[in-house]
Amino acid sequence: MPIDQGMLFVFNFQQELNFWMKNTLIPLDIVYLNDELQVVDVQTMIPEHEIAPDPLPFYTSASPAKFALEINAGVAAECDITPGVTMTLTYLN
């Protein structure tokens, strides 16, 4: 995935979120944000093929979240994305 891109998941309401790395080939950081766009948790997720044996772990948000942003592993640290930081989302057409 290009360094300046990611995947944003938007949920209808804040809740405990769970992600896993089934069929994912690269390590990713997952940034959980609440409905005020405040970071509530950041975790690095390990690709399925690097984990043995099953079951795959779930990466659960430390607090209820409405958004989950997946970016390349290490980008969160490089960009100082840590719990408590408030982010801005810009929607592009």
Protein backbone atom coordinates (compact mmCIF):
# COMPACT_ATOMS: atom_id res chain seq x y z
CA MET A 1 0.00 0.00 0.00
CA PRO A 2 1.41 3.43 -0.82
CA ILE A 3 2.83 5.22 2.23
CA ASP A 4 0.35 8.11 1.90
CA GLN A 5 -2.75 5.92 1.71
CA GLY A 6 -4.84 3.81 4.05
CA MET A 7 -8.27 2.31 4.55
CA LEU A 8 -10.87 4.04 6.70
CA PHE A 9 -13.69 2.00 8.19
CA VAL A 10 -16.71 4.00 9.41
CA PHE A 11 -19.26 2.45 11.77
CA ASN A 12 -22.77 3.68 12.63
CA PHE A 13 -21.99 4.21 16.30
CA GLN A 14 -19.18 3.95 18.84
CA GLN A 15 -18.53 0.43 20.02
CA GLU A 16 -15.70 -1.93 20.89
CA LEU A 17 -14.17 -2.77 17.51
CA ASN A 18 -12.35 -5.98 16.56
CA PHE A 19 -10.14 -6.51 13.52
CA TRP A 20 -8.02 -9.43 12.40
CA MET A 21 -5.52 -10.06 9.62
CA LYS A 22 -7.11 -12.93 7.66
CA ASN A 23 -5.68 -13.01 4.10
CA THR A 24 -3.63 -9.86 4.70
CA LEU A 25 -0.06 -9.96 3.42
CA ILE A 26 1.53 -6.85 4.96
CA PRO A 27 1.78 -5.60 8.56
CA LEU A 28 -0.55 -2.71 9.32
CA ASP A 29 -1.09 -0.15 12.05
CA ILE A 30 -4.70 0.21 13.12
CA VAL A 31 -5.76 3.55 14.58
CA TYR A 32 -9.07 3.56 16.45
CA LEU A 33 -10.86 6.92 16.73
CA ASN A 34 -13.97 7.93 18.66
CA ASP A 35 -16.82 10.03 17.27
CA GLU A 36 -14.86 13.21 18.05
CA LEU A 37 -11.91 11.91 15.96
CA GLN A 38 -9.78 11.48 19.05
CA VAL A 39 -7.38 8.53 18.87
CA VAL A 40 -8.37 5.98 21.51
CA ASP A 41 -5.92 3.21 20.55
CA VAL A 42 -3.11 2.35 18.12
CA GLN A 43 -1.90 -1.19 17.48
CA THR A 44 0.38 -2.92 14.99
CA MET A 45 -1.24 -5.93 13.36
CA ILE A 46 0.82 -8.91 12.17
CA PRO A 47 0.02 -10.65 8.83
CA GLU A 48 -1.62 -14.06 8.96
CA HIS A 49 1.33 -15.89 7.37
CA GLU A 50 3.66 -14.66 10.15
CA ILE A 51 1.49 -16.12 12.90
CA ALA A 52 1.41 -19.82 13.66
CA PRO A 53 -0.51 -21.69 14.78
CA ASP A 54 -4.10 -20.53 14.45
CA PRO A 55 -6.29 -19.00 15.76
CA LEU A 56 -5.57 -15.54 14.49
CA PRO A 57 -5.58 -12.83 17.16
CA PHE A 58 -8.19 -10.11 17.25
CA TYR A 59 -7.01 -6.53 17.61
CA THR A 60 -9.64 -5.00 19.89
CA SER A 61 -9.96 -1.28 20.52
CA ALA A 62 -9.01 -0.22 24.04
CA SER A 63 -12.10 2.04 24.16
CA PRO A 64 -15.27 2.37 22.10
CA ALA A 65 -14.51 3.69 18.62
CA LYS A 66 -16.49 4.78 15.57
CA PHE A 67 -13.64 4.78 13.05
CA ALA A 68 -10.75 2.44 12.32
CA LEU A 69 -7.91 3.59 10.08
CA GLU A 70 -5.52 0.99 8.66
CA ILE A 71 -2.14 2.30 7.49
CA ASN A 72 1.25 0.72 6.82
CA ALA A 73 2.98 -0.56 9.94
CA GLY A 74 5.21 2.12 11.44
CA VAL A 75 3.39 5.09 9.92
CA ALA A 76 1.52 5.83 13.16
CA ALA A 77 4.80 6.17 15.07
CA GLU A 78 6.42 8.20 12.26
CA CYS A 79 3.47 10.62 12.29
CA ASP A 80 3.19 10.79 16.11
CA ILE A 81 -0.30 9.28 16.06
CA THR A 82 -0.89 8.28 19.68
CA PRO A 83 -3.88 7.97 22.00
CA GLY A 84 -5.26 11.38 22.88
CA VAL A 85 -4.35 13.01 19.56
CA THR A 86 -7.29 14.50 17.65
CA MET A 87 -7.20 13.89 13.91
CA THR A 88 -8.83 15.68 11.00
CA LEU A 89 -10.54 13.89 8.14
CA THR A 90 -10.74 15.51 4.73
CA TYR A 91 -13.14 13.97 2.25
CA LEU A 92 -12.05 14.06 -1.36
CA ASN A 93 -14.28 13.38 -4.37
